[in-house]
PDB file of all heavy atoms in Angstrom:
ATOM      1  N   PRO A   1      -9.768  10.652  21.647  1.00  0.00           N
ATOM      2  CA  PRO A   1     -10.112   9.883  22.849  1.00  0.00           C
ATOM      3  C   PRO A   1      -9.879   8.389  22.594  1.00  0.00           C
ATOM      4  O   PRO A   1      -9.899   7.922  21.451  1.00  0.00           O
ATOM      5  CB  PRO A   1     -11.599  10.176  23.067  1.00  0.00           C
ATOM      6  CG  PRO A   1     -12.091  10.680  21.768  1.00  0.00           C
ATOM      7  CD  PRO A   1     -10.931  11.278  21.042  1.00  0.00           C
ATOM      8  N   GLU A   2      -9.674   7.656  23.657  1.00  0.00           N
ATOM      9  CA  GLU A   2      -9.400   6.227  23.554  1.00  0.00           C
ATOM     10  C   GLU A   2     -10.499   5.490  22.785  1.00  0.00           C
ATOM     11  O   GLU A   2     -10.237   4.562  22.027  1.00  0.00           O
ATOM     12  CB  GLU A   2      -9.260   5.656  24.962  1.00  0.00           C
ATOM     13  CG  GLU A   2      -8.757   4.263  25.005  1.00  0.00           C
ATOM     14  CD  GLU A   2      -8.450   3.810  26.422  1.00  0.00           C
ATOM     15  OE1 GLU A   2      -8.583   4.590  27.369  1.00  0.00           O
ATOM     16  OE2 GLU A   2      -8.084   2.642  26.563  1.00  0.00           O
ATOM     17  N   ALA A   3     -11.734   5.908  22.958  1.00  0.00           N
ATOM     18  CA  ALA A   3     -12.873   5.239  22.325  1.00  0.00           C
ATOM     19  C   ALA A   3     -12.931   5.452  20.812  1.00  0.00           C
ATOM     20  O   ALA A   3     -13.725   4.803  20.131  1.00  0.00           O
ATOM     21  CB  ALA A   3     -14.173   5.726  22.958  1.00  0.00           C
ATOM     22  N   ALA A   4     -12.107   6.324  20.269  1.00  0.00           N
ATOM     23  CA  ALA A   4     -12.128   6.585  18.828  1.00  0.00           C
ATOM     24  C   ALA A   4     -11.532   5.437  18.025  1.00  0.00           C
ATOM     25  O   ALA A   4     -11.770   5.324  16.829  1.00  0.00           O
ATOM     26  CB  ALA A   4     -11.379   7.876  18.524  1.00  0.00           C
ATOM     27  N   ILE A   5     -10.773   4.576  18.672  1.00  0.00           N
ATOM     28  CA  ILE A   5     -10.088   3.479  17.982  1.00  0.00           C
ATOM     29  C   ILE A   5     -10.785   2.165  18.301  1.00  0.00           C
ATOM     30  O   ILE A   5     -10.867   1.757  19.452  1.00  0.00           O
ATOM     31  CB  ILE A   5      -8.610   3.411  18.418  1.00  0.00           C
ATOM     32  CG1 ILE A   5      -7.908   4.732  18.104  1.00  0.00           C
ATOM     33  CG2 ILE A   5      -7.911   2.241  17.734  1.00  0.00           C
ATOM     34  CD1 ILE A   5      -6.543   4.864  18.733  1.00  0.00           C
ATOM     35  N   SER A   6     -11.283   1.514  17.261  1.00  0.00           N
ATOM     36  CA  SER A   6     -11.936   0.207  17.416  1.00  0.00           C
ATOM     37  C   SER A   6     -11.037  -0.865  16.822  1.00  0.00           C
ATOM     38  O   SER A   6     -10.487  -0.690  15.735  1.00  0.00           O
ATOM     39  CB  SER A   6     -13.286   0.186  16.690  1.00  0.00           C
ATOM     40  OG  SER A   6     -14.157   1.131  17.242  1.00  0.00           O
ATOM     41  N   VAL A   7     -10.890  -1.967  17.532  1.00  0.00           N
ATOM     42  CA  VAL A   7     -10.064  -3.082  17.063  1.00  0.00           C
ATOM     43  C   VAL A   7     -10.852  -4.385  17.153  1.00  0.00           C
ATOM     44  O   VAL A   7     -11.701  -4.547  18.027  1.00  0.00           O
ATOM     45  CB  VAL A   7      -8.756  -3.202  17.884  1.00  0.00           C
ATOM     46  CG1 VAL A   7      -7.839  -2.034  17.628  1.00  0.00           C
ATOM     47  CG2 VAL A   7      -9.031  -3.332  19.371  1.00  0.00           C
ATOM     48  N   PHE A   8     -10.583  -5.284  16.223  1.00  0.00           N
ATOM     49  CA  PHE A   8     -11.223  -6.597  16.251  1.00  0.00           C
ATOM     50  C   PHE A   8     -10.341  -7.595  15.511  1.00  0.00           C
ATOM     51  O   PHE A   8      -9.625  -7.218  14.584  1.00  0.00           O
ATOM     52  CB  PHE A   8     -12.648  -6.551  15.684  1.00  0.00           C
ATOM     53  CG  PHE A   8     -12.767  -5.868  14.357  1.00  0.00           C
ATOM     54  CD1 PHE A   8     -12.787  -6.591  13.186  1.00  0.00           C
ATOM     55  CD2 PHE A   8     -12.866  -4.483  14.279  1.00  0.00           C
ATOM     56  CE1 PHE A   8     -12.900  -5.965  11.960  1.00  0.00           C
ATOM     57  CE2 PHE A   8     -12.981  -3.847  13.061  1.00  0.00           C
ATOM     58  CZ  PHE A   8     -12.991  -4.589  11.891  1.00  0.00           C
ATOM     59  N   PRO A   9     -10.344  -8.851  15.938  1.00  0.00           N
ATOM     60  CA  PRO A   9      -9.435  -9.834  15.348  1.00  0.00           C
ATOM     61  C   PRO A   9      -9.801 -10.165  13.908  1.00  0.00           C
ATOM     62  O   PRO A   9     -10.972 -10.225  13.544  1.00  0.00           O
ATOM     63  CB  PRO A   9      -9.599 -11.056  16.246  1.00  0.00           C
ATOM     64  CG  PRO A   9     -10.910 -10.891  16.911  1.00  0.00           C
ATOM     65  CD  PRO A   9     -11.174  -9.424  16.993  1.00  0.00           C
ATOM     66  N   ALA A  10      -8.763 -10.358  13.095  1.00  0.00           N
ATOM     67  CA  ALA A  10      -8.962 -10.734  11.699  1.00  0.00           C
ATOM     68  C   ALA A  10      -8.602 -12.198  11.488  1.00  0.00           C
ATOM     69  O   ALA A  10      -9.416 -12.974  11.015  1.00  0.00           O
ATOM     70  CB  ALA A  10      -8.126  -9.848  10.782  1.00  0.00           C
ATOM     71  N   SER A  11      -7.382 -12.581  11.870  1.00  0.00           N
ATOM     72  CA  SER A  11      -6.972 -13.976  11.702  1.00  0.00           C
ATOM     73  C   SER A  11      -5.851 -14.309  12.676  1.00  0.00           C
ATOM     74  O   SER A  11      -5.142 -13.430  13.160  1.00  0.00           O
ATOM     75  CB  SER A  11      -6.517 -14.244  10.268  1.00  0.00           C
ATOM     76  OG  SER A  11      -5.345 -13.515   9.981  1.00  0.00           O
ATOM     77  N   ILE A  12      -5.714 -15.593  12.929  1.00  0.00           N
ATOM     78  CA  ILE A  12      -4.673 -16.094  13.826  1.00  0.00           C
ATOM     79  C   ILE A  12      -3.949 -17.226  13.110  1.00  0.00           C
ATOM     80  O   ILE A  12      -4.581 -18.140  12.582  1.00  0.00           O
ATOM     81  CB  ILE A  12      -5.279 -16.619  15.146  1.00  0.00           C
ATOM     82  CG1 ILE A  12      -6.037 -15.516  15.869  1.00  0.00           C
ATOM     83  CG2 ILE A  12      -4.192 -17.215  16.030  1.00  0.00           C
ATOM     84  CD1 ILE A  12      -6.836 -15.993  17.066  1.00  0.00           C
ATOM     85  N   GLU A  13      -2.624 -17.132  13.091  1.00  0.00           N
ATOM     86  CA  GLU A  13      -1.815 -18.200  12.509  1.00  0.00           C
ATOM     87  C   GLU A  13      -0.588 -18.380  13.387  1.00  0.00           C
ATOM     88  O   GLU A  13       0.333 -17.555  13.362  1.00  0.00           O
ATOM     89  CB  GLU A  13      -1.411 -17.858  11.072  1.00  0.00           C
ATOM     90  CG  GLU A  13      -0.699 -18.997  10.379  1.00  0.00           C
ATOM     91  CD  GLU A  13      -0.415 -18.678   8.923  1.00  0.00           C
ATOM     92  OE1 GLU A  13      -1.247 -18.030   8.275  1.00  0.00           O
ATOM     93  OE2 GLU A  13       0.659 -19.092   8.462  1.00  0.00           O
ATOM     94  N   GLY A  14      -0.611 -19.398  14.197  1.00  0.00           N
ATOM     95  CA  GLY A  14       0.486 -19.630  15.130  1.00  0.00           C
ATOM     96  C   GLY A  14       0.581 -18.503  16.149  1.00  0.00           C
ATOM     97  O   GLY A  14      -0.387 -18.199  16.833  1.00  0.00           O
ATOM     98  N   ASN A  15       1.751 -17.869  16.233  1.00  0.00           N
ATOM     99  CA  ASN A  15       1.961 -16.754  17.164  1.00  0.00           C
ATOM    100  C   ASN A  15       1.634 -15.405  16.554  1.00  0.00           C
ATOM    101  O   ASN A  15       1.878 -14.368  17.171  1.00  0.00           O
ATOM    102  CB  ASN A  15       3.421 -16.749  17.643  1.00  0.00           C
ATOM    103  CG  ASN A  15       3.731 -17.936  18.507  1.00  0.00           C
ATOM    104  OD1 ASN A  15       2.899 -18.369  19.298  1.00  0.00           O
ATOM    105  ND2 ASN A  15       4.930 -18.485  18.362  1.00  0.00           N
ATOM    106  N   THR A  16       1.120 -15.398  15.321  1.00  0.00           N
ATOM    107  CA  THR A  16       0.817 -14.149  14.625  1.00  0.00           C
ATOM    108  C   THR A  16      -0.687 -13.926  14.599  1.00  0.00           C
ATOM    109  O   THR A  16      -1.447 -14.783  14.156  1.00  0.00           O
ATOM    110  CB  THR A  16       1.354 -14.191  13.179  1.00  0.00           C
ATOM    111  OG1 THR A  16       2.754 -14.433  13.224  1.00  0.00           O
ATOM    112  CG2 THR A  16       1.075 -12.895  12.450  1.00  0.00           C
ATOM    113  N   ILE A  17      -1.090 -12.761  15.079  1.00  0.00           N
ATOM    114  CA  ILE A  17      -2.507 -12.393  15.084  1.00  0.00           C
ATOM    115  C   ILE A  17      -2.658 -11.101  14.296  1.00  0.00           C
ATOM    116  O   ILE A  17      -1.984 -10.105  14.597  1.00  0.00           O
ATOM    117  CB  ILE A  17      -3.037 -12.214  16.523  1.00  0.00           C
ATOM    118  CG1 ILE A  17      -2.872 -13.523  17.312  1.00  0.00           C
ATOM    119  CG2 ILE A  17      -4.493 -11.753  16.504  1.00  0.00           C
ATOM    120  CD1 ILE A  17      -3.231 -13.411  18.782  1.00  0.00           C
ATOM    121  N   LEU A  18      -3.495 -11.131  13.274  1.00  0.00           N
ATOM    122  CA  LEU A  18      -3.818  -9.916  12.529  1.00  0.00           C
ATOM    123  C   LEU A  18      -5.026  -9.263  13.179  1.00  0.00           C
ATOM    124  O   LEU A  18      -6.023  -9.933  13.455  1.00  0.00           O
ATOM    125  CB  LEU A  18      -4.122 -10.225  11.066  1.00  0.00           C
ATOM    126  CG  LEU A  18      -2.942 -10.659  10.215  1.00  0.00           C
ATOM    127  CD1 LEU A  18      -3.405 -10.952   8.790  1.00  0.00           C
ATOM    128  CD2 LEU A  18      -1.864  -9.594  10.199  1.00  0.00           C
ATOM    129  N   VAL A  19      -4.921  -7.973  13.422  1.00  0.00           N
ATOM    130  CA  VAL A  19      -5.981  -7.213  14.072  1.00  0.00           C
ATOM    131  C   VAL A  19      -6.439  -6.125  13.120  1.00  0.00           C
ATOM    132  O   VAL A  19      -5.621  -5.329  12.629  1.00  0.00           O
ATOM    133  CB  VAL A  19      -5.472  -6.584  15.392  1.00  0.00           C
ATOM    134  CG1 VAL A  19      -6.543  -5.720  16.029  1.00  0.00           C
ATOM    135  CG2 VAL A  19      -4.999  -7.659  16.355  1.00  0.00           C
ATOM    136  N   ASN A  20      -7.721  -6.087  12.820  1.00  0.00           N
ATOM    137  CA  ASN A  20      -8.289  -4.985  12.037  1.00  0.00           C
ATOM    138  C   ASN A  20      -8.563  -3.819  12.965  1.00  0.00           C
ATOM    139  O   ASN A  20      -8.953  -4.014  14.120  1.00  0.00           O
ATOM    140  CB  ASN A  20      -9.604  -5.410  11.373  1.00  0.00           C
ATOM    141  CG  ASN A  20      -9.403  -6.432  10.295  1.00  0.00           C
ATOM    142  OD1 ASN A  20      -8.410  -6.421   9.583  1.00  0.00           O
ATOM    143  ND2 ASN A  20     -10.339  -7.345  10.160  1.00  0.00           N
ATOM    144  N   TRP A  21      -8.389  -2.612  12.471  1.00  0.00           N
ATOM    145  CA  TRP A  21      -8.701  -1.435  13.268  1.00  0.00           C
ATOM    146  C   TRP A  21      -9.419  -0.396  12.417  1.00  0.00           C
ATOM    147  O   TRP A  21      -9.259  -0.350  11.200  1.00  0.00           O
ATOM    148  CB  TRP A  21      -7.436  -0.834  13.908  1.00  0.00           C
ATOM    149  CG  TRP A  21      -6.374  -0.407  12.944  1.00  0.00           C
ATOM    150  CD1 TRP A  21      -5.320  -1.156  12.525  1.00  0.00           C
ATOM    151  CD2 TRP A  21      -6.267   0.854  12.284  1.00  0.00           C
ATOM    152  NE1 TRP A  21      -4.550  -0.443  11.639  1.00  0.00           N
ATOM    153  CE2 TRP A  21      -5.110   0.802  11.481  1.00  0.00           C
ATOM    154  CE3 TRP A  21      -7.019   2.018  12.276  1.00  0.00           C
ATOM    155  CZ2 TRP A  21      -4.698   1.877  10.683  1.00  0.00           C
ATOM    156  CZ3 TRP A  21      -6.607   3.088  11.488  1.00  0.00           C
ATOM    157  CH2 TRP A  21      -5.469   3.015  10.708  1.00  0.00           C
ATOM    158  N   ILE A  22     -10.227   0.397  13.089  1.00  0.00           N
ATOM    159  CA  ILE A  22     -10.989   1.474  12.448  1.00  0.00           C
ATOM    160  C   ILE A  22     -10.941   2.694  13.350  1.00  0.00           C
ATOM    161  O   ILE A  22     -11.112   2.578  14.564  1.00  0.00           O
ATOM    162  CB  ILE A  22     -12.462   1.072  12.230  1.00  0.00           C
ATOM    163  CG1 ILE A  22     -12.571  -0.107  11.280  1.00  0.00           C
ATOM    164  CG2 ILE A  22     -13.281   2.254  11.718  1.00  0.00           C
ATOM    165  CD1 ILE A  22     -13.973  -0.670  11.170  1.00  0.00           C
ATOM    166  N   VAL A  23     -10.706   3.844  12.750  1.00  0.00           N
ATOM    167  CA  VAL A  23     -10.824   5.116  13.459  1.00  0.00           C
ATOM    168  C   VAL A  23     -11.839   5.943  12.689  1.00  0.00           C
ATOM    169  O   VAL A  23     -11.667   6.212  11.498  1.00  0.00           O
ATOM    170  CB  VAL A  23      -9.476   5.866  13.548  1.00  0.00           C
ATOM    171  CG1 VAL A  23      -9.668   7.232  14.191  1.00  0.00           C
ATOM    172  CG2 VAL A  23      -8.466   5.045  14.320  1.00  0.00           C
ATOM    173  N   ASN A  24     -12.910   6.304  13.361  1.00  0.00           N
ATOM    174  CA  ASN A  24     -13.983   7.090  12.747  1.00  0.00           C
ATOM    175  C   ASN A  24     -14.384   8.151  13.767  1.00  0.00           C
ATOM    176  O   ASN A  24     -15.274   7.934  14.587  1.00  0.00           O
ATOM    177  CB  ASN A  24     -15.155   6.175  12.390  1.00  0.00           C
ATOM    178  CG  ASN A  24     -16.222   6.898  11.606  1.00  0.00           C
ATOM    179  OD1 ASN A  24     -16.125   8.090  11.338  1.00  0.00           O
ATOM    180  ND2 ASN A  24     -17.265   6.170  11.236  1.00  0.00           N
ATOM    181  N   TRP A  25     -13.685   9.281  13.723  1.00  0.00           N
ATOM    182  CA  TRP A  25     -13.901  10.319  14.728  1.00  0.00           C
ATOM    183  C   TRP A  25     -13.740  11.685  14.079  1.00  0.00           C
ATOM    184  O   TRP A  25     -12.705  11.952  13.469  1.00  0.00           O
ATOM    185  CB  TRP A  25     -12.890  10.160  15.860  1.00  0.00           C
ATOM    186  CG  TRP A  25     -13.269  10.876  17.101  1.00  0.00           C
ATOM    187  CD1 TRP A  25     -12.887  12.135  17.457  1.00  0.00           C
ATOM    188  CD2 TRP A  25     -14.103  10.401  18.131  1.00  0.00           C
ATOM    189  NE1 TRP A  25     -13.432  12.462  18.651  1.00  0.00           N
ATOM    190  CE2 TRP A  25     -14.188  11.413  19.100  1.00  0.00           C
ATOM    191  CE3 TRP A  25     -14.794   9.216  18.350  1.00  0.00           C
ATOM    192  CZ2 TRP A  25     -14.917  11.277  20.267  1.00  0.00           C
ATOM    193  CZ3 TRP A  25     -15.513   9.078  19.508  1.00  0.00           C
ATOM    194  CH2 TRP A  25     -15.581  10.095  20.447  1.00  0.00           C
ATOM    195  N   ASP A  26     -14.718  12.530  14.221  1.00  0.00           N
ATOM    196  CA  ASP A  26     -14.700  13.865  13.617  1.00  0.00           C
ATOM    197  C   ASP A  26     -14.319  13.762  12.144  1.00  0.00           C
ATOM    198  O   ASP A  26     -15.004  13.113  11.381  1.00  0.00           O
ATOM    199  CB  ASP A  26     -13.779  14.818  14.383  1.00  0.00           C
ATOM    200  CG  ASP A  26     -14.299  15.119  15.789  1.00  0.00           C
ATOM    201  OD1 ASP A  26     -15.527  15.020  15.998  1.00  0.00           O
ATOM    202  OD2 ASP A  26     -13.482  15.436  16.660  1.00  0.00           O
ATOM    203  N   ASP A  27     -13.197  14.357  11.745  1.00  0.00           N
ATOM    204  CA  ASP A  27     -12.781  14.346  10.334  1.00  0.00           C
ATOM    205  C   ASP A  27     -11.884  13.164   9.981  1.00  0.00           C
ATOM    206  O   ASP A  27     -11.476  13.028   8.838  1.00  0.00           O
ATOM    207  CB  ASP A  27     -12.018  15.635  10.009  1.00  0.00           C
ATOM    208  CG  ASP A  27     -12.893  16.868  10.144  1.00  0.00           C
ATOM    209  OD1 ASP A  27     -14.132  16.712  10.150  1.00  0.00           O
ATOM    210  OD2 ASP A  27     -12.340  17.975  10.251  1.00  0.00           O
ATOM    211  N   ILE A  28     -11.559  12.345  10.947  1.00  0.00           N
ATOM    212  CA  ILE A  28     -10.639  11.228  10.701  1.00  0.00           C
ATOM    213  C   ILE A  28     -11.420   9.958  10.396  1.00  0.00           C
ATOM    214  O   ILE A  28     -12.237   9.511  11.184  1.00  0.00           O
ATOM    215  CB  ILE A  28      -9.716  11.004  11.912  1.00  0.00           C
ATOM    216  CG1 ILE A  28      -8.886  12.262  12.170  1.00  0.00           C
ATOM    217  CG2 ILE A  28      -8.813   9.797  11.680  1.00  0.00           C
ATOM    218  CD1 ILE A  28      -8.051  12.188  13.416  1.00  0.00           C
ATOM    219  N   ARG A  29     -11.172   9.395   9.214  1.00  0.00           N
ATOM    220  CA  ARG A  29     -11.792   8.146   8.786  1.00  0.00           C
ATOM    221  C   ARG A  29     -10.694   7.276   8.203  1.00  0.00           C
ATOM    222  O   ARG A  29     -10.286   7.442   7.069  1.00  0.00           O
ATOM    223  CB  ARG A  29     -12.852   8.370   7.707  1.00  0.00           C
ATOM    224  CG  ARG A  29     -13.885   9.409   8.015  1.00  0.00           C
ATOM    225  CD  ARG A  29     -15.087   8.797   8.714  1.00  0.00           C
ATOM    226  NE  ARG A  29     -16.168   9.756   8.895  1.00  0.00           N
ATOM    227  CZ  ARG A  29     -16.221  10.656   9.868  1.00  0.00           C
ATOM    228  NH1 ARG A  29     -15.244  10.764  10.717  1.00  0.00           N
ATOM    229  NH2 ARG A  29     -17.256  11.458   9.999  1.00  0.00           N
TER     230      ARG A  29
END
């Protein structure tokens, strides 16, 4: 499901944005 994927910003440098992501659903970690 869409809600299984969580994203949040890590860093921004100019036009580049690093995004951290986590999937923690059933057996997927």
